[in-house]
Amino acid sequence: MDTDQRRLRTPRWVPLVSVQELWGQHKAWDYNYELVYQWGSFGDAGIRAWTVASDDGFILSHVRFRPRLGLKTDVTSGDRDRTDPSLQTFSALFPKGAYFGEIALIGPANHMDLQPSVDFRLTKRWTLSPAAGFFWRQNIHDGIYGPAINLLRSAGSSTARFIGSQIAAQAEWEVSRHFSWTGNYTHFFTGRFLEDTQPAEDVNFFTTWIYYRF
């Protein structure tokens, strides 16, 4: 897909099929797997796109703070040939904004990621969650996209896959039955693809918010 405006046109139909979805918990393990395939038509072009996602965790119940070791892995298809009118870039259709952390720089299209994390239950009311993320392009002929599946950077002439990495820490405080506070800090490190296509600047991000529940 990349730099042209094909995605701005209205598709005739875009069915979305979940080929397999499996989730559950077994003792200290929890797991969630999903495989999705998209097909249909977009104007006169065909759609052939897919994604595979997983989220696994293991709770060390006999260790102080009961840490949950987590690992997320995701792959979304990219377009193989910008001169071919058919679309292979996966579209999440209605993705949430903070798809890969609160910093929300990258969206689920033409990407591969690896996201290790640890959740610590420090007290009954305090939780601390350090995490990291590593991002690559699934197809080197396609660019990278934002959370709204908007093109952020064209593929250009770069053959690099590595987009960048990020580290984050999130703290949550359950103040009372009605109030809770969350703070998040994230730093994104630019990778080879961004350095090849410029500009390439690291990003510091901080956000905080308060929930009120009735």
C-alpha atoms as a PDB file:
ATOM      1  CA  MET A   1       0.000   0.000   0.000  1.00  0.00           C
ATOM      2  CA  ASP A   2       2.619   2.511   1.188  1.00  0.00           C
ATOM      3  CA  THR A   3       2.522   6.031  -0.243  1.00  0.00           C
ATOM      4  CA  ASP A   4      -0.493   5.972  -2.553  1.00  0.00           C
ATOM      5  CA  GLN A   5      -4.029   6.931  -1.546  1.00  0.00           C
ATOM      6  CA  ARG A   6      -5.766   3.582  -2.030  1.00  0.00           C
ATOM      7  CA  ARG A   7      -6.724   3.301   1.627  1.00  0.00           C
ATOM      8  CA  LEU A   8      -8.618   6.612   1.441  1.00  0.00           C
ATOM      9  CA  ARG A   9     -11.234   5.133  -0.897  1.00  0.00           C
ATOM     10  CA  THR A  10     -14.307   3.334   0.404  1.00  0.00           C
ATOM     11  CA  PRO A  11     -14.067  -0.463   0.224  1.00  0.00           C
ATOM     12  CA  ARG A  12     -16.931  -2.420  -1.293  1.00  0.00           C
ATOM     13  CA  TRP A  13     -16.700  -5.021   1.428  1.00  0.00           C
ATOM     14  CA  VAL A  14     -14.114  -6.181   3.914  1.00  0.00           C
ATOM     15  CA  PRO A  15     -15.014  -9.397   5.764  1.00  0.00           C
ATOM     16  CA  LEU A  16     -12.878 -10.222   8.777  1.00  0.00           C
ATOM     17  CA  VAL A  17     -12.489 -13.818   9.908  1.00  0.00           C
ATOM     18  CA  SER A  18     -10.833 -15.031  13.085  1.00  0.00           C
ATOM     19  CA  VAL A  19      -9.412 -18.381  12.034  1.00  0.00           C
ATOM     20  CA  GLN A  20      -8.396 -19.300  15.569  1.00  0.00           C
ATOM     21  CA  GLU A  21      -8.738 -17.684  18.956  1.00  0.00           C
ATOM     22  CA  LEU A  22      -7.631 -19.404  22.131  1.00  0.00           C
ATOM     23  CA  TRP A  23      -7.335 -18.042  25.652  1.00  0.00           C
ATOM     24  CA  GLY A  24      -7.453 -19.262  29.203  1.00  0.00           C
ATOM     25  CA  GLN A  25      -5.532 -19.951  32.387  1.00  0.00           C
ATOM     26  CA  HIS A  26      -3.887 -23.070  33.786  1.00  0.00           C
ATOM     27  CA  LYS A  27      -2.539 -22.781  37.306  1.00  0.00           C
ATOM     28  CA  ALA A  28       0.130 -20.053  37.190  1.00  0.00           C
ATOM     29  CA  TRP A  29      -0.024 -19.713  33.391  1.00  0.00           C
ATOM     30  CA  ASP A  30      -2.346 -17.434  31.418  1.00  0.00           C
ATOM     31  CA  TYR A  31      -2.439 -17.280  27.644  1.00  0.00           C
ATOM     32  CA  ASN A  32      -4.209 -15.599  24.741  1.00  0.00           C
ATOM     33  CA  TYR A  33      -3.648 -16.410  21.041  1.00  0.00           C
ATOM     34  CA  GLU A  34      -5.342 -15.019  17.961  1.00  0.00           C
ATOM     35  CA  LEU A  35      -5.032 -15.536  14.220  1.00  0.00           C
ATOM     36  CA  VAL A  36      -6.988 -13.255  11.865  1.00  0.00           C
ATOM     37  CA  TYR A  37      -7.236 -13.250   8.085  1.00  0.00           C
ATOM     38  CA  GLN A  38      -8.750 -10.407   6.012  1.00  0.00           C
ATOM     39  CA  TRP A  39     -10.009 -10.657   2.471  1.00  0.00           C
ATOM     40  CA  GLY A  40     -12.407  -8.836   0.189  1.00  0.00           C
ATOM     41  CA  SER A  41     -12.174  -5.984  -2.294  1.00  0.00           C
ATOM     42  CA  PHE A  42     -11.096  -2.363  -2.172  1.00  0.00           C
ATOM     43  CA  GLY A  43     -12.307  -0.595  -5.309  1.00  0.00           C
ATOM     44  CA  ASP A  44     -11.060  -2.870  -8.070  1.00  0.00           C
ATOM     45  CA  ALA A  45      -8.284  -4.336  -5.924  1.00  0.00           C
ATOM     46  CA  GLY A  46      -8.323  -7.436  -3.771  1.00  0.00           C
ATOM     47  CA  ILE A  47      -7.476  -7.640  -0.068  1.00  0.00           C
ATOM     48  CA  ARG A  48      -5.285 -10.384   1.362  1.00  0.00           C
ATOM     49  CA  ALA A  49      -3.968  -9.542   4.840  1.00  0.00           C
ATOM     50  CA  TRP A  50      -3.397 -11.307   8.162  1.00  0.00           C
ATOM     51  CA  THR A  51      -2.199 -11.006  11.744  1.00  0.00           C
ATOM     52  CA  VAL A  52      -1.011 -13.367  14.481  1.00  0.00           C
ATOM     53  CA  ALA A  53      -0.924 -12.244  18.128  1.00  0.00           C
ATOM     54  CA  SER A  54      -0.070 -13.828  21.467  1.00  0.00           C
ATOM     55  CA  ASP A  55      -0.006 -12.753  25.115  1.00  0.00           C
ATOM     56  CA  ASP A  56       1.452 -15.175  27.674  1.00  0.00           C
ATOM     57  CA  GLY A  57       2.096 -14.781  31.378  1.00  0.00           C
ATOM     58  CA  PHE A  58       3.367 -16.735  34.365  1.00  0.00           C
ATOM     59  CA  ILE A  59       2.840 -15.700  38.014  1.00  0.00           C
ATOM     60  CA  LEU A  60       5.596 -16.478  40.512  1.00  0.00           C
ATOM     61  CA  SER A  61       3.213 -16.886  43.415  1.00  0.00           C
ATOM     62  CA  HIS A  62       5.900 -17.885  45.945  1.00  0.00           C
ATOM     63  CA  VAL A  63       8.140 -14.884  45.192  1.00  0.00           C
ATOM     64  CA  ARG A  64       7.826 -11.546  46.959  1.00  0.00           C
ATOM     65  CA  PHE A  65       5.423  -9.135  45.190  1.00  0.00           C
ATOM     66  CA  ARG A  66       4.001 -12.069  43.170  1.00  0.00           C
ATOM     67  CA  PRO A  67       5.564 -10.931  39.860  1.00  0.00           C
ATOM     68  CA  ARG A  68       3.820 -11.829  36.624  1.00  0.00           C
ATOM     69  CA  LEU A  69       6.308 -12.454  33.825  1.00  0.00           C
ATOM     70  CA  GLY A  70       4.670 -11.516  30.547  1.00  0.00           C
ATOM     71  CA  LEU A  71       5.540 -11.772  26.868  1.00  0.00           C
ATOM     72  CA  LYS A  72       3.523 -10.399  23.961  1.00  0.00           C
ATOM     73  CA  THR A  73       4.378 -11.128  20.335  1.00  0.00           C
ATOM     74  CA  ASP A  74       2.503  -9.790  17.323  1.00  0.00           C
ATOM     75  CA  VAL A  75       2.908  -9.896  13.548  1.00  0.00           C
ATOM     76  CA  THR A  76       0.807  -7.955  11.021  1.00  0.00           C
ATOM     77  CA  SER A  77       1.234  -8.327   7.279  1.00  0.00           C
ATOM     78  CA  GLY A  78       2.673  -5.617   5.044  1.00  0.00           C
ATOM     79  CA  ASP A  79       2.336  -4.894   1.341  1.00  0.00           C
ATOM     80  CA  ARG A  80       4.721  -6.811  -0.895  1.00  0.00           C
ATOM     81  CA  ASP A  81       4.586  -4.628  -4.007  1.00  0.00           C
ATOM     82  CA  ARG A  82       3.513  -0.966  -4.177  1.00  0.00           C
ATOM     83  CA  THR A  83       2.907  -1.287  -7.947  1.00  0.00           C
ATOM     84  CA  ASP A  84       0.407  -4.115  -7.374  1.00  0.00           C
ATOM     85  CA  PRO A  85      -3.094  -2.722  -6.662  1.00  0.00           C
ATOM     86  CA  SER A  86      -3.954  -5.594  -4.324  1.00  0.00           C
ATOM     87  CA  LEU A  87      -3.618  -4.811  -0.610  1.00  0.00           C
ATOM     88  CA  GLN A  88      -1.653  -6.985   1.806  1.00  0.00           C
ATOM     89  CA  THR A  89      -1.277  -4.442   4.631  1.00  0.00           C
ATOM     90  CA  PHE A  90      -3.330  -5.572   7.617  1.00  0.00           C
ATOM     91  CA  SER A  91      -5.909  -3.075   8.904  1.00  0.00           C
ATOM     92  CA  ALA A  92      -7.092  -3.437  12.504  1.00  0.00           C
ATOM     93  CA  LEU A  93     -10.192  -1.395  11.491  1.00  0.00           C
ATOM     94  CA  PHE A  94     -10.906   0.006  14.964  1.00  0.00           C
ATOM     95  CA  PRO A  95      -7.653  -0.204  16.949  1.00  0.00           C
ATOM     96  CA  LYS A  96      -7.289   1.435  20.338  1.00  0.00           C
ATOM     97  CA  GLY A  97      -4.975   4.438  20.465  1.00  0.00           C
ATOM     98  CA  ALA A  98      -2.397   3.074  22.920  1.00  0.00           C
ATOM     99  CA  TYR A  99      -1.848  -0.149  21.013  1.00  0.00           C
ATOM    100  CA  PHE A 100       1.799  -0.706  21.997  1.00  0.00           C
ATOM    101  CA  GLY A 101       2.015   1.228  25.235  1.00  0.00           C
ATOM    102  CA  GLU A 102       0.767   4.651  26.260  1.00  0.00           C
ATOM    103  CA  ILE A 103       3.338   6.365  24.031  1.00  0.00           C
ATOM    104  CA  ALA A 104       1.307   5.136  21.030  1.00  0.00           C
ATOM    105  CA  LEU A 105       3.861   5.785  18.283  1.00  0.00           C
ATOM    106  CA  ILE A 106       3.336   2.659  16.185  1.00  0.00           C
ATOM    107  CA  GLY A 107       0.163   1.007  14.940  1.00  0.00           C
ATOM    108  CA  PRO A 108      -0.655  -2.627  14.069  1.00  0.00           C
ATOM    109  CA  ALA A 109       0.190  -2.679  10.352  1.00  0.00           C
ATOM    110  CA  ASN A 110       3.281  -4.097   8.613  1.00  0.00           C
ATOM    111  CA  HIS A 111       5.067  -4.825  11.834  1.00  0.00           C
ATOM    112  CA  MET A 112       6.540  -7.473  14.114  1.00  0.00           C
ATOM    113  CA  ASP A 113       7.058  -6.929  17.821  1.00  0.00           C
ATOM    114  CA  LEU A 114       8.381  -8.562  20.956  1.00  0.00           C
ATOM    115  CA  GLN A 115       7.180  -7.139  24.299  1.00  0.00           C
ATOM    116  CA  PRO A 116       8.516  -8.590  27.581  1.00  0.00           C
ATOM    117  CA  SER A 117       7.076  -7.228  30.836  1.00  0.00           C
ATOM    118  CA  VAL A 118       6.908  -7.780  34.600  1.00  0.00           C
ATOM    119  CA  ASP A 119       4.028  -6.812  36.905  1.00  0.00           C
ATOM    120  CA  PHE A 120       4.820  -6.391  40.609  1.00  0.00           C
ATOM    121  CA  ARG A 121       2.078  -6.268  43.234  1.00  0.00           C
ATOM    122  CA  LEU A 122       4.026  -4.109  45.702  1.00  0.00           C
ATOM    123  CA  THR A 123       1.159  -3.737  48.190  1.00  0.00           C
ATOM    124  CA  LYS A 124      -2.558  -4.279  48.176  1.00  0.00           C
ATOM    125  CA  ARG A 125      -2.980  -0.883  46.497  1.00  0.00           C
ATOM    126  CA  TRP A 126       0.278  -0.364  44.551  1.00  0.00           C
ATOM    127  CA  THR A 127       1.313  -2.038  41.281  1.00  0.00           C
ATOM    128  CA  LEU A 128       4.507  -1.431  39.290  1.00  0.00           C
ATOM    129  CA  SER A 129       4.853  -2.651  35.705  1.00  0.00           C
ATOM    130  CA  PRO A 130       8.184  -2.297  33.840  1.00  0.00           C
ATOM    131  CA  ALA A 131       8.044  -3.284  30.161  1.00  0.00           C
ATOM    132  CA  ALA A 132      10.010  -3.156  26.932  1.00  0.00           C
ATOM    133  CA  GLY A 133       9.156  -3.340  23.246  1.00  0.00           C
ATOM    134  CA  PHE A 134      11.101  -4.147  20.072  1.00  0.00           C
ATOM    135  CA  PHE A 135       9.624  -3.378  16.646  1.00  0.00           C
ATOM    136  CA  TRP A 136      10.445  -4.470  13.081  1.00  0.00           C
ATOM    137  CA  ARG A 137       8.812  -4.132   9.660  1.00  0.00           C
ATOM    138  CA  GLN A 138       7.194  -7.353   8.487  1.00  0.00           C
ATOM    139  CA  ASN A 139       7.780  -6.455   4.835  1.00  0.00           C
ATOM    140  CA  ILE A 140      10.622  -4.173   3.729  1.00  0.00           C
ATOM    141  CA  HIS A 141       8.616  -2.923   0.714  1.00  0.00           C
ATOM    142  CA  ASP A 142       5.992  -1.271   2.926  1.00  0.00           C
ATOM    143  CA  GLY A 143       6.268   1.675   5.320  1.00  0.00           C
ATOM    144  CA  ILE A 144       5.275   2.019   8.978  1.00  0.00           C
ATOM    145  CA  TYR A 145       1.916   3.188  10.279  1.00  0.00           C
ATOM    146  CA  GLY A 146       0.416   4.990  13.260  1.00  0.00           C
ATOM    147  CA  PRO A 147      -2.347   3.758  15.602  1.00  0.00           C
ATOM    148  CA  ALA A 148      -5.020   4.991  13.156  1.00  0.00           C
ATOM    149  CA  ILE A 149      -3.306   3.001  10.344  1.00  0.00           C
ATOM    150  CA  ASN A 150      -2.057   6.304   8.934  1.00  0.00           C
ATOM    151  CA  LEU A 151       1.219   6.158   7.031  1.00  0.00           C
ATOM    152  CA  LEU A 152       4.032   7.566   9.191  1.00  0.00           C
ATOM    153  CA  ARG A 153       7.048   6.779   7.042  1.00  0.00           C
ATOM    154  CA  SER A 154       7.309   5.474   3.490  1.00  0.00           C
ATOM    155  CA  ALA A 155       9.564   2.502   2.810  1.00  0.00           C
ATOM    156  CA  GLY A 156      11.790   4.631   0.613  1.00  0.00           C
ATOM    157  CA  SER A 157      14.952   2.822  -0.438  1.00  0.00           C
ATOM    158  CA  SER A 158      15.689   1.336   2.995  1.00  0.00           C
ATOM    159  CA  THR A 159      15.925  -2.432   3.338  1.00  0.00           C
ATOM    160  CA  ALA A 160      16.232  -2.272   7.144  1.00  0.00           C
ATOM    161  CA  ARG A 161      13.558  -3.999   9.221  1.00  0.00           C
ATOM    162  CA  PHE A 162      14.344  -2.696  12.715  1.00  0.00           C
ATOM    163  CA  ILE A 163      12.139   0.309  13.550  1.00  0.00           C
ATOM    164  CA  GLY A 164      13.185   0.861  17.158  1.00  0.00           C
ATOM    165  CA  SER A 165      12.718  -0.148  20.780  1.00  0.00           C
ATOM    166  CA  GLN A 166      11.155   1.304  23.891  1.00  0.00           C
ATOM    167  CA  ILE A 167      11.335   0.909  27.651  1.00  0.00           C
ATOM    168  CA  ALA A 168       8.493   1.863  29.966  1.00  0.00           C
ATOM    169  CA  ALA A 169       7.449   1.838  33.598  1.00  0.00           C
ATOM    170  CA  GLN A 170       3.875   2.228  34.803  1.00  0.00           C
ATOM    171  CA  ALA A 171       2.742   2.684  38.406  1.00  0.00           C
ATOM    172  CA  GLU A 172      -0.849   2.288  39.612  1.00  0.00           C
ATOM    173  CA  TRP A 173      -2.232   3.331  42.994  1.00  0.00           C
ATOM    174  CA  GLU A 174      -5.707   2.337  44.093  1.00  0.00           C
ATOM    175  CA  VAL A 175      -6.365   5.309  46.372  1.00  0.00           C
ATOM    176  CA  SER A 176      -9.830   4.165  47.442  1.00  0.00           C
ATOM    177  CA  ARG A 177     -12.802   2.199  46.203  1.00  0.00           C
ATOM    178  CA  HIS A 178     -13.647   5.094  43.873  1.00  0.00           C
ATOM    179  CA  PHE A 179     -10.296   6.712  43.000  1.00  0.00           C
ATOM    180  CA  SER A 180      -7.168   5.328  41.363  1.00  0.00           C
ATOM    181  CA  TRP A 181      -4.069   7.004  39.939  1.00  0.00           C
ATOM    182  CA  THR A 182      -1.798   5.869  37.084  1.00  0.00           C
ATOM    183  CA  GLY A 183       1.526   7.271  35.884  1.00  0.00           C
ATOM    184  CA  ASN A 184       3.533   6.113  32.869  1.00  0.00           C
ATOM    185  CA  TYR A 185       7.002   6.976  31.550  1.00  0.00           C
ATOM    186  CA  THR A 186       8.302   5.653  28.210  1.00  0.00           C
ATOM    187  CA  HIS A 187      11.476   6.232  26.199  1.00  0.00           C
ATOM    188  CA  PHE A 188      11.610   5.244  22.514  1.00  0.00           C
ATOM    189  CA  PHE A 189      14.961   4.553  20.828  1.00  0.00           C
ATOM    190  CA  THR A 190      15.093   4.955  17.048  1.00  0.00           C
ATOM    191  CA  GLY A 191      16.282   2.009  14.968  1.00  0.00           C
ATOM    192  CA  ARG A 192      18.003   1.503  11.622  1.00  0.00           C
ATOM    193  CA  PHE A 193      14.897   2.010   9.441  1.00  0.00           C
ATOM    194  CA  LEU A 194      14.158   5.439  10.934  1.00  0.00           C
ATOM    195  CA  GLU A 195      17.838   6.383  10.675  1.00  0.00           C
ATOM    196  CA  ASP A 196      17.843   5.392   6.992  1.00  0.00           C
ATOM    197  CA  THR A 197      14.718   7.398   6.149  1.00  0.00           C
ATOM    198  CA  GLN A 198      15.114  10.381   8.552  1.00  0.00           C
ATOM    199  CA  PRO A 199      14.239  12.190  10.696  1.00  0.00           C
ATOM    200  CA  ALA A 200      15.317   9.903  13.524  1.00  0.00           C
ATOM    201  CA  GLU A 201      14.825  11.306  17.013  1.00  0.00           C
ATOM    202  CA  ASP A 202      14.419   9.427  20.288  1.00  0.00           C
ATOM    203  CA  VAL A 203      11.209  10.237  22.165  1.00  0.00           C
ATOM    204  CA  ASN A 204      10.587  10.797  25.892  1.00  0.00           C
ATOM    205  CA  PHE A 205       6.980  10.479  27.017  1.00  0.00           C
ATOM    206  CA  PHE A 206       5.195  10.878  30.338  1.00  0.00           C
ATOM    207  CA  THR A 207       1.502  10.759  31.132  1.00  0.00           C
ATOM    208  CA  THR A 208      -0.650  10.495  34.242  1.00  0.00           C
ATOM    209  CA  TRP A 209      -4.359  10.239  34.901  1.00  0.00           C
ATOM    210  CA  ILE A 210      -6.930   9.651  37.632  1.00  0.00           C
ATOM    211  CA  TYR A 211      -9.902   7.310  37.458  1.00  0.00           C
ATOM    212  CA  TYR A 212     -13.126   7.922  39.315  1.00  0.00           C
ATOM    213  CA  ARG A 213     -15.503   4.967  39.543  1.00  0.00           C
ATOM    214  CA  PHE A 214     -19.059   5.307  40.791  1.00  0.00           C
END
